[in-house]
Amino acid sequence: MKYKKLLVGMVIATTLTGCTTVADLMGADSATLNLSAAQSYNQMLTEAKQKQILDMTSATYKKVNRVFLKMKPYADQLNQTGQKFDWQVAVIKSNEINAYVAPGGKVVFYTGIVDTLKLTDDEVAAIMGHEMVHALEEHSKNKVGAQGKHLLIWQ
């Protein structure tokens, strides 16, 4: 329940910028971005498996996945993008202190952020919620729209 409150609070605290319309006009609609992101995410997974850096068994993976599975239903409830997300999470063995999300709900955590900072489940949930809000608010789409506005202004 506390994860739901965290995610709802993050969604409420974040607002769309209006760049979405420009992105749509540039052909960067939600479905297209989500499909492209899924393809890139799958390619990243393939490469991570080949390099043996895809973590699927450690305590860090189990923590991140446990939190992800608890938060996913709430993220689905808050999805107002018009596109169903195929939420997925990957944990990459790396000392990098980072996590990110790609359009359509492809979340990536590096073991470094969890292990180096010795994150609790609640702290992982805060980061997870932050990343989920990026996807739900379609910040990648807004970024494309903002770039499009910039191009239109300078031409």
N, C-alpha and C. Protein backbone atom coordinates (compact mmCIF):
# COMPACT_ATOMS: atom_id res chain seq x y z
N MET A 1 0.82 -1.19 0.00
CA MET A 1 0.00 0.00 0.00
C MET A 1 0.87 1.26 0.00
N LYS A 2 1.99 1.23 0.75
CA LYS A 2 2.83 2.43 0.79
C LYS A 2 3.48 2.67 -0.57
N TYR A 3 3.71 1.61 -1.37
CA TYR A 3 4.28 1.79 -2.69
C TYR A 3 3.27 2.49 -3.59
N LYS A 4 1.99 2.15 -3.44
CA LYS A 4 0.95 2.80 -4.24
C LYS A 4 0.92 4.29 -3.92
N LYS A 5 0.97 4.65 -2.65
CA LYS A 5 0.95 6.05 -2.26
C LYS A 5 2.16 6.78 -2.82
N LEU A 6 3.33 6.14 -2.78
CA LEU A 6 4.54 6.74 -3.31
C LEU A 6 4.39 7.02 -4.80
N LEU A 7 3.92 6.02 -5.55
CA LEU A 7 3.79 6.17 -6.99
C LEU A 7 2.72 7.20 -7.35
N VAL A 8 1.58 7.18 -6.66
CA VAL A 8 0.53 8.15 -6.91
C VAL A 8 1.05 9.56 -6.64
N GLY A 9 1.77 9.73 -5.54
CA GLY A 9 2.33 11.04 -5.21
C GLY A 9 3.29 11.54 -6.28
N MET A 10 4.10 10.63 -6.80
CA MET A 10 5.05 11.03 -7.84
C MET A 10 4.34 11.43 -9.14
N VAL A 11 3.27 10.71 -9.48
CA VAL A 11 2.52 11.05 -10.70
C VAL A 11 1.85 12.40 -10.53
N ILE A 12 1.25 12.65 -9.38
CA ILE A 12 0.59 13.92 -9.13
C ILE A 12 1.59 15.07 -9.17
N ALA A 13 2.79 14.83 -8.65
CA ALA A 13 3.80 15.88 -8.57
C ALA A 13 4.41 16.22 -9.93
N THR A 14 4.19 15.37 -10.92
CA THR A 14 4.79 15.56 -12.23
C THR A 14 3.72 16.02 -13.22
N THR A 15 4.04 16.96 -14.08
CA THR A 15 3.06 17.44 -15.05
C THR A 15 3.63 17.33 -16.46
N LEU A 16 2.72 17.20 -17.44
CA LEU A 16 3.14 17.16 -18.84
C LEU A 16 3.43 18.58 -19.32
N THR A 17 4.31 18.72 -20.28
CA THR A 17 4.75 20.04 -20.73
C THR A 17 4.05 20.52 -22.00
N GLY A 18 3.29 19.71 -22.66
CA GLY A 18 2.67 20.14 -23.90
C GLY A 18 3.47 19.76 -25.12
N CYS A 19 4.62 19.16 -24.93
CA CYS A 19 5.47 18.77 -26.06
C CYS A 19 4.92 17.54 -26.76
N THR A 20 3.99 16.87 -26.14
CA THR A 20 3.47 15.63 -26.69
C THR A 20 2.90 15.83 -28.08
N THR A 21 2.16 16.91 -28.29
CA THR A 21 1.55 17.16 -29.59
C THR A 21 2.61 17.31 -30.67
N VAL A 22 3.66 18.04 -30.39
CA VAL A 22 4.75 18.21 -31.35
C VAL A 22 5.38 16.86 -31.66
N ALA A 23 5.60 16.04 -30.63
CA ALA A 23 6.18 14.71 -30.83
C ALA A 23 5.29 13.88 -31.74
N ASP A 24 3.99 13.92 -31.50
CA ASP A 24 3.06 13.17 -32.36
C ASP A 24 3.18 13.63 -33.81
N LEU A 25 3.26 14.93 -34.02
CA LEU A 25 3.37 15.47 -35.37
C LEU A 25 4.66 15.04 -36.05
N MET A 26 5.70 14.78 -35.24
CA MET A 26 6.99 14.35 -35.78
C MET A 26 7.04 12.84 -35.99
N GLY A 27 5.92 12.15 -35.73
CA GLY A 27 5.89 10.70 -35.91
C GLY A 27 6.38 9.93 -34.70
N ALA A 28 6.52 10.61 -33.57
CA ALA A 28 7.00 9.96 -32.35
C ALA A 28 5.81 9.68 -31.43
N ASP A 29 4.82 9.00 -31.96
CA ASP A 29 3.65 8.66 -31.16
C ASP A 29 4.02 7.59 -30.15
N SER A 30 3.17 7.41 -29.15
CA SER A 30 3.45 6.49 -28.05
C SER A 30 3.72 5.08 -28.54
N ALA A 31 2.89 4.58 -29.42
CA ALA A 31 3.05 3.19 -29.89
C ALA A 31 4.40 3.00 -30.58
N THR A 32 4.79 3.95 -31.41
CA THR A 32 6.06 3.86 -32.13
C THR A 32 7.25 3.92 -31.18
N LEU A 33 7.20 4.87 -30.24
CA LEU A 33 8.29 4.98 -29.26
C LEU A 33 8.39 3.72 -28.40
N ASN A 34 7.25 3.20 -27.95
CA ASN A 34 7.26 1.99 -27.12
C ASN A 34 7.82 0.80 -27.87
N LEU A 35 7.46 0.65 -29.14
CA LEU A 35 7.97 -0.45 -29.95
C LEU A 35 9.48 -0.32 -30.15
N SER A 36 9.92 0.87 -30.48
CA SER A 36 11.35 1.11 -30.68
C SER A 36 12.13 0.85 -29.39
N ALA A 37 11.58 1.31 -28.27
CA ALA A 37 12.24 1.09 -26.97
C ALA A 37 12.29 -0.39 -26.63
N ALA A 38 11.23 -1.12 -26.93
CA ALA A 38 11.21 -2.56 -26.65
C ALA A 38 12.29 -3.28 -27.45
N GLN A 39 12.45 -2.88 -28.71
CA GLN A 39 13.49 -3.49 -29.54
C GLN A 39 14.88 -3.19 -28.99
N SER A 40 15.11 -1.94 -28.59
CA SER A 40 16.41 -1.57 -28.02
C SER A 40 16.66 -2.28 -26.70
N TYR A 41 15.62 -2.39 -25.88
CA TYR A 41 15.72 -3.07 -24.59
C TYR A 41 16.07 -4.54 -24.81
N ASN A 42 15.40 -5.19 -25.75
CA ASN A 42 15.69 -6.60 -26.04
C ASN A 42 17.11 -6.79 -26.55
N GLN A 43 17.59 -5.85 -27.35
CA GLN A 43 18.96 -5.90 -27.84
C GLN A 43 19.94 -5.75 -26.67
N MET A 44 19.62 -4.84 -25.76
CA MET A 44 20.46 -4.64 -24.57
C MET A 44 20.49 -5.92 -23.73
N LEU A 45 19.33 -6.58 -23.56
CA LEU A 45 19.28 -7.83 -22.81
C LEU A 45 20.14 -8.91 -23.47
N THR A 46 20.06 -9.01 -24.78
CA THR A 46 20.85 -10.00 -25.51
C THR A 46 22.34 -9.76 -25.30
N GLU A 47 22.75 -8.51 -25.41
CA GLU A 47 24.16 -8.17 -25.22
C GLU A 47 24.60 -8.41 -23.78
N ALA A 48 23.74 -8.08 -22.83
CA ALA A 48 24.07 -8.29 -21.42
C ALA A 48 24.22 -9.78 -21.11
N LYS A 49 23.37 -10.60 -21.71
CA LYS A 49 23.48 -12.06 -21.53
C LYS A 49 24.80 -12.57 -22.11
N GLN A 50 25.13 -12.09 -23.30
CA GLN A 50 26.37 -12.51 -23.95
C GLN A 50 27.59 -12.12 -23.11
N LYS A 51 27.55 -10.96 -22.50
CA LYS A 51 28.65 -10.47 -21.68
C LYS A 51 28.58 -11.02 -20.25
N GLN A 52 27.54 -11.77 -19.98
CA GLN A 52 27.30 -12.37 -18.66
C GLN A 52 27.20 -11.31 -17.56
N ILE A 53 26.53 -10.20 -17.89
CA ILE A 53 26.32 -9.14 -16.90
C ILE A 53 24.85 -8.95 -16.56
N LEU A 54 23.99 -9.80 -17.12
CA LEU A 54 22.57 -9.74 -16.78
C LEU A 54 22.38 -10.52 -15.49
N ASP A 55 22.00 -9.84 -14.43
CA ASP A 55 21.83 -10.45 -13.12
C ASP A 55 20.40 -10.97 -12.99
N MET A 56 20.27 -12.26 -12.77
CA MET A 56 18.95 -12.85 -12.63
C MET A 56 18.85 -13.76 -11.40
N THR A 57 19.86 -13.72 -10.53
CA THR A 57 19.86 -14.65 -9.40
C THR A 57 20.31 -14.06 -8.07
N SER A 58 21.00 -12.94 -8.08
CA SER A 58 21.59 -12.42 -6.84
C SER A 58 20.53 -11.87 -5.89
N ALA A 59 20.95 -11.58 -4.69
CA ALA A 59 20.07 -10.94 -3.71
C ALA A 59 19.64 -9.56 -4.20
N THR A 60 20.52 -8.87 -4.90
CA THR A 60 20.19 -7.56 -5.45
C THR A 60 19.07 -7.69 -6.48
N TYR A 61 19.23 -8.64 -7.40
CA TYR A 61 18.17 -8.89 -8.38
C TYR A 61 16.85 -9.20 -7.69
N LYS A 62 16.89 -10.08 -6.70
CA LYS A 62 15.66 -10.49 -6.01
C LYS A 62 14.99 -9.31 -5.34
N LYS A 63 15.79 -8.41 -4.75
CA LYS A 63 15.23 -7.21 -4.11
C LYS A 63 14.56 -6.31 -5.14
N VAL A 64 15.27 -6.02 -6.21
CA VAL A 64 14.74 -5.13 -7.25
C VAL A 64 13.48 -5.74 -7.86
N ASN A 65 13.53 -7.02 -8.17
CA ASN A 65 12.38 -7.68 -8.79
C ASN A 65 11.18 -7.73 -7.84
N ARG A 66 11.43 -7.99 -6.57
CA ARG A 66 10.36 -8.05 -5.57
C ARG A 66 9.63 -6.70 -5.51
N VAL A 67 10.40 -5.61 -5.44
CA VAL A 67 9.81 -4.28 -5.40
C VAL A 67 9.07 -3.98 -6.70
N PHE A 68 9.69 -4.33 -7.82
CA PHE A 68 9.07 -4.12 -9.13
C PHE A 68 7.71 -4.81 -9.21
N LEU A 69 7.65 -6.06 -8.81
CA LEU A 69 6.40 -6.82 -8.88
C LEU A 69 5.32 -6.23 -7.98
N LYS A 70 5.71 -5.65 -6.86
CA LYS A 70 4.74 -5.01 -5.97
C LYS A 70 4.21 -3.71 -6.58
N MET A 71 5.05 -2.98 -7.29
CA MET A 71 4.67 -1.67 -7.81
C MET A 71 3.98 -1.73 -9.17
N LYS A 72 4.25 -2.75 -9.94
CA LYS A 72 3.73 -2.85 -11.30
C LYS A 72 2.20 -2.70 -11.40
N PRO A 73 1.41 -3.36 -10.55
CA PRO A 73 -0.05 -3.20 -10.67
C PRO A 73 -0.51 -1.75 -10.46
N TYR A 74 0.17 -1.03 -9.58
CA TYR A 74 -0.18 0.36 -9.34
C TYR A 74 0.20 1.23 -10.53
N ALA A 75 1.33 0.94 -11.13
CA ALA A 75 1.74 1.67 -12.33
C ALA A 75 0.74 1.43 -13.46
N ASP A 76 0.28 0.19 -13.60
CA ASP A 76 -0.74 -0.11 -14.61
C ASP A 76 -2.01 0.70 -14.38
N GLN A 77 -2.43 0.81 -13.12
CA GLN A 77 -3.64 1.57 -12.79
C GLN A 77 -3.49 3.05 -13.13
N LEU A 78 -2.28 3.57 -13.04
CA LEU A 78 -2.04 4.99 -13.28
C LEU A 78 -1.71 5.31 -14.73
N ASN A 79 -1.64 4.30 -15.57
CA ASN A 79 -1.27 4.52 -16.97
C ASN A 79 -2.41 5.21 -17.72
N GLN A 80 -2.17 6.42 -18.15
CA GLN A 80 -3.15 7.19 -18.92
C GLN A 80 -2.60 7.54 -20.31
N THR A 81 -1.66 6.75 -20.79
CA THR A 81 -1.00 7.06 -22.06
C THR A 81 -1.81 6.60 -23.27
N GLY A 82 -2.79 5.73 -23.03
CA GLY A 82 -3.53 5.16 -24.15
C GLY A 82 -2.88 3.91 -24.70
N GLN A 83 -1.73 3.54 -24.16
CA GLN A 83 -1.01 2.34 -24.58
C GLN A 83 -0.75 1.46 -23.37
N LYS A 84 -1.06 0.18 -23.49
CA LYS A 84 -0.75 -0.75 -22.41
C LYS A 84 0.76 -0.95 -22.38
N PHE A 85 1.35 -0.86 -21.19
CA PHE A 85 2.78 -1.06 -21.04
C PHE A 85 3.08 -2.52 -20.76
N ASP A 86 4.14 -3.00 -21.36
CA ASP A 86 4.67 -4.33 -21.06
C ASP A 86 5.85 -4.10 -20.10
N TRP A 87 5.51 -3.84 -18.84
CA TRP A 87 6.53 -3.53 -17.84
C TRP A 87 7.52 -4.68 -17.71
N GLN A 88 8.79 -4.35 -17.71
CA GLN A 88 9.85 -5.33 -17.50
C GLN A 88 10.97 -4.65 -16.71
N VAL A 89 11.71 -5.48 -15.97
CA VAL A 89 12.85 -4.95 -15.24
C VAL A 89 14.07 -5.83 -15.51
N ALA A 90 15.21 -5.18 -15.66
CA ALA A 90 16.47 -5.89 -15.83
C ALA A 90 17.46 -5.32 -14.81
N VAL A 91 18.29 -6.18 -14.29
CA VAL A 91 19.35 -5.77 -13.37
C VAL A 91 20.68 -6.11 -14.04
N ILE A 92 21.51 -5.10 -14.18
CA ILE A 92 22.80 -5.23 -14.86
C ILE A 92 23.92 -5.18 -13.82
N LYS A 93 24.82 -6.15 -13.90
CA LYS A 93 25.98 -6.17 -13.00
C LYS A 93 26.96 -5.09 -13.43
N SER A 94 27.00 -4.04 -12.63
CA SER A 94 27.88 -2.90 -12.93
C SER A 94 28.00 -2.07 -11.66
N ASN A 95 29.13 -1.44 -11.48
CA ASN A 95 29.34 -0.55 -10.35
C ASN A 95 28.67 0.81 -10.56
N GLU A 96 28.13 1.03 -11.74
CA GLU A 96 27.47 2.30 -12.04
C GLU A 96 26.31 2.53 -11.07
N ILE A 97 26.22 3.73 -10.57
CA ILE A 97 25.14 4.09 -9.65
C ILE A 97 24.07 4.78 -10.47
N ASN A 98 23.16 3.94 -11.01
CA ASN A 98 22.16 4.47 -11.93
C ASN A 98 21.01 3.49 -12.09
N ALA A 99 19.91 4.03 -12.54
CA ALA A 99 18.74 3.27 -12.98
C ALA A 99 18.08 4.14 -14.04
N TYR A 100 17.36 3.52 -14.96
CA TYR A 100 16.65 4.30 -15.97
C TYR A 100 15.46 3.51 -16.47
N VAL A 101 14.63 4.18 -17.24
CA VAL A 101 13.47 3.54 -17.84
C VAL A 101 13.39 3.98 -19.30
N ALA A 102 12.97 3.06 -20.13
CA ALA A 102 12.72 3.37 -21.53
C ALA A 102 11.21 3.42 -21.75
N PRO A 103 10.77 4.07 -22.81
CA PRO A 103 9.34 4.15 -23.08
C PRO A 103 8.67 2.77 -23.05
N GLY A 104 7.45 2.76 -22.57
CA GLY A 104 6.69 1.53 -22.52
C GLY A 104 6.96 0.70 -21.28
N GLY A 105 7.80 1.20 -20.37
CA GLY A 105 8.00 0.54 -19.09
C GLY A 105 9.14 -0.45 -19.01
N LYS A 106 10.22 -0.18 -19.68
CA LYS A 106 11.41 -1.05 -19.62
C LYS A 106 12.39 -0.44 -18.62
N VAL A 107 12.40 -0.99 -17.40
CA VAL A 107 13.20 -0.45 -16.30
C VAL A 107 14.53 -1.19 -16.21
N VAL A 108 15.60 -0.44 -15.99
CA VAL A 108 16.93 -1.03 -15.83
C VAL A 108 17.55 -0.48 -14.55
N PHE A 109 18.01 -1.39 -13.71
CA PHE A 109 18.75 -1.03 -12.50
C PHE A 109 20.16 -1.59 -12.65
N TYR A 110 21.15 -0.83 -12.22
CA TYR A 110 22.51 -1.34 -12.13
C TYR A 110 22.73 -1.80 -10.69
N THR A 111 23.44 -2.90 -10.51
CA THR A 111 23.68 -3.41 -9.16
C THR A 111 24.40 -2.37 -8.30
N GLY A 112 25.20 -1.51 -8.92
CA GLY A 112 25.95 -0.51 -8.19
C GLY A 112 25.09 0.42 -7.36
N ILE A 113 23.94 0.80 -7.88
CA ILE A 113 23.10 1.73 -7.13
C ILE A 113 22.54 1.07 -5.88
N VAL A 114 22.19 -0.20 -5.97
CA VAL A 114 21.62 -0.92 -4.83
C VAL A 114 22.71 -1.32 -3.84
N ASP A 115 23.78 -1.89 -4.36
CA ASP A 115 24.83 -2.44 -3.49
C ASP A 115 25.71 -1.35 -2.86
N THR A 116 26.14 -0.39 -3.65
CA THR A 116 27.02 0.66 -3.14
C THR A 116 26.31 1.51 -2.09
N LEU A 117 25.04 1.83 -2.37
CA LEU A 117 24.29 2.67 -1.45
C LEU A 117 23.56 1.86 -0.37
N LYS A 118 23.66 0.53 -0.47
CA LYS A 118 23.03 -0.37 0.49
C LYS A 118 21.54 -0.03 0.68
N LEU A 119 20.83 0.01 -0.46
CA LEU A 119 19.43 0.44 -0.47
C LEU A 119 18.51 -0.59 0.18
N THR A 120 17.55 -0.09 0.92
CA THR A 120 16.48 -0.92 1.47
C THR A 120 15.40 -1.09 0.40
N ASP A 121 14.45 -1.97 0.65
CA ASP A 121 13.33 -2.13 -0.29
C ASP A 121 12.61 -0.80 -0.52
N ASP A 122 12.41 -0.03 0.54
CA ASP A 122 11.72 1.25 0.41
C ASP A 122 12.51 2.23 -0.45
N GLU A 123 13.82 2.22 -0.32
CA GLU A 123 14.66 3.11 -1.13
C GLU A 123 14.68 2.66 -2.59
N VAL A 124 14.70 1.35 -2.81
CA VAL A 124 14.58 0.83 -4.19
C VAL A 124 13.22 1.25 -4.76
N ALA A 125 12.17 1.19 -3.94
CA ALA A 125 10.82 1.58 -4.37
C ALA A 125 10.77 3.06 -4.76
N ALA A 126 11.47 3.90 -4.03
CA ALA A 126 11.49 5.33 -4.37
C ALA A 126 12.12 5.54 -5.75
N ILE A 127 13.22 4.86 -6.01
CA ILE A 127 13.87 4.96 -7.32
C ILE A 127 12.99 4.34 -8.39
N MET A 128 12.43 3.17 -8.10
CA MET A 128 11.55 2.49 -9.06
C MET A 128 10.36 3.38 -9.41
N GLY A 129 9.75 3.99 -8.38
CA GLY A 129 8.62 4.88 -8.63
C GLY A 129 9.01 6.06 -9.48
N HIS A 130 10.17 6.61 -9.20
CA HIS A 130 10.70 7.73 -10.01
C HIS A 130 10.81 7.33 -11.48
N GLU A 131 11.39 6.16 -11.72
CA GLU A 131 11.55 5.69 -13.11
C GLU A 131 10.20 5.39 -13.75
N MET A 132 9.29 4.78 -13.01
CA MET A 132 7.97 4.47 -13.55
C MET A 132 7.22 5.74 -13.94
N VAL A 133 7.37 6.79 -13.13
CA VAL A 133 6.72 8.05 -13.46
C VAL A 133 7.28 8.63 -14.76
N HIS A 134 8.58 8.50 -14.98
CA HIS A 134 9.14 8.95 -16.25
C HIS A 134 8.42 8.27 -17.42
N ALA A 135 8.21 6.97 -17.31
CA ALA A 135 7.53 6.25 -18.39
C ALA A 135 6.07 6.66 -18.49
N LEU A 136 5.38 6.73 -17.36
CA LEU A 136 3.96 7.06 -17.36
C LEU A 136 3.69 8.48 -17.86
N GLU A 137 4.60 9.38 -17.60
CA GLU A 137 4.45 10.76 -18.07
C GLU A 137 5.03 10.95 -19.47
N GLU A 138 5.55 9.87 -20.03
CA GLU A 138 6.10 9.86 -21.39
C GLU A 138 7.16 10.95 -21.58
N HIS A 139 8.09 11.03 -20.64
CA HIS A 139 9.13 12.05 -20.72
C HIS A 139 10.00 11.91 -21.97
N SER A 140 10.21 10.68 -22.45
CA SER A 140 10.98 10.53 -23.69
C SER A 140 10.23 11.16 -24.86
N LYS A 141 8.93 10.97 -24.86
CA LYS A 141 8.11 11.57 -25.92
C LYS A 141 8.15 13.09 -25.81
N ASN A 142 8.08 13.59 -24.60
CA ASN A 142 8.15 15.04 -24.41
C ASN A 142 9.49 15.59 -24.86
N LYS A 143 10.56 14.82 -24.63
CA LYS A 143 11.90 15.25 -25.05
C LYS A 143 11.97 15.35 -26.58
N VAL A 144 11.39 14.36 -27.26
CA VAL A 144 11.33 14.40 -28.73
C VAL A 144 10.55 15.63 -29.17
N GLY A 145 9.43 15.89 -28.49
CA GLY A 145 8.62 17.05 -28.81
C GLY A 145 9.36 18.35 -28.60
N ALA A 146 10.11 18.44 -27.51
CA ALA A 146 10.89 19.65 -27.23
C ALA A 146 11.96 19.85 -28.28
N GLN A 147 12.61 18.75 -28.71
CA GLN A 147 13.61 18.85 -29.76
C GLN A 147 12.96 19.31 -31.06
N GLY A 148 11.77 18.82 -31.32
CA GLY A 148 11.04 19.23 -32.52
C GLY A 148 10.68 20.70 -32.50
N LYS A 149 10.25 21.18 -31.34
CA LYS A 149 9.96 22.61 -31.20
C LYS A 149 11.22 23.43 -31.49
N HIS A 150 12.34 22.98 -30.95
CA HIS A 150 13.61 23.68 -31.16
C HIS A 150 13.95 23.73 -32.64
N LEU A 151 13.77 22.61 -33.32
CA LEU A 151 14.06 22.58 -34.76
C LEU A 151 13.14 23.50 -35.53
N LEU A 152 11.85 23.52 -35.15
CA LEU A 152 10.89 24.38 -35.84
C LEU A 152 11.20 25.87 -35.63
N ILE A 153 11.65 26.20 -34.44
CA ILE A 153 11.95 27.60 -34.12
C ILE A 153 13.17 28.08 -34.90
N TRP A 154 14.17 27.24 -35.07
CA TRP A 154 15.43 27.66 -35.66
C TRP A 154 15.49 27.46 -37.17
N GLN A 155 14.40 27.02 -37.77
CA GLN A 155 14.43 26.84 -39.23
C GLN A 155 13.70 27.97 -39.93
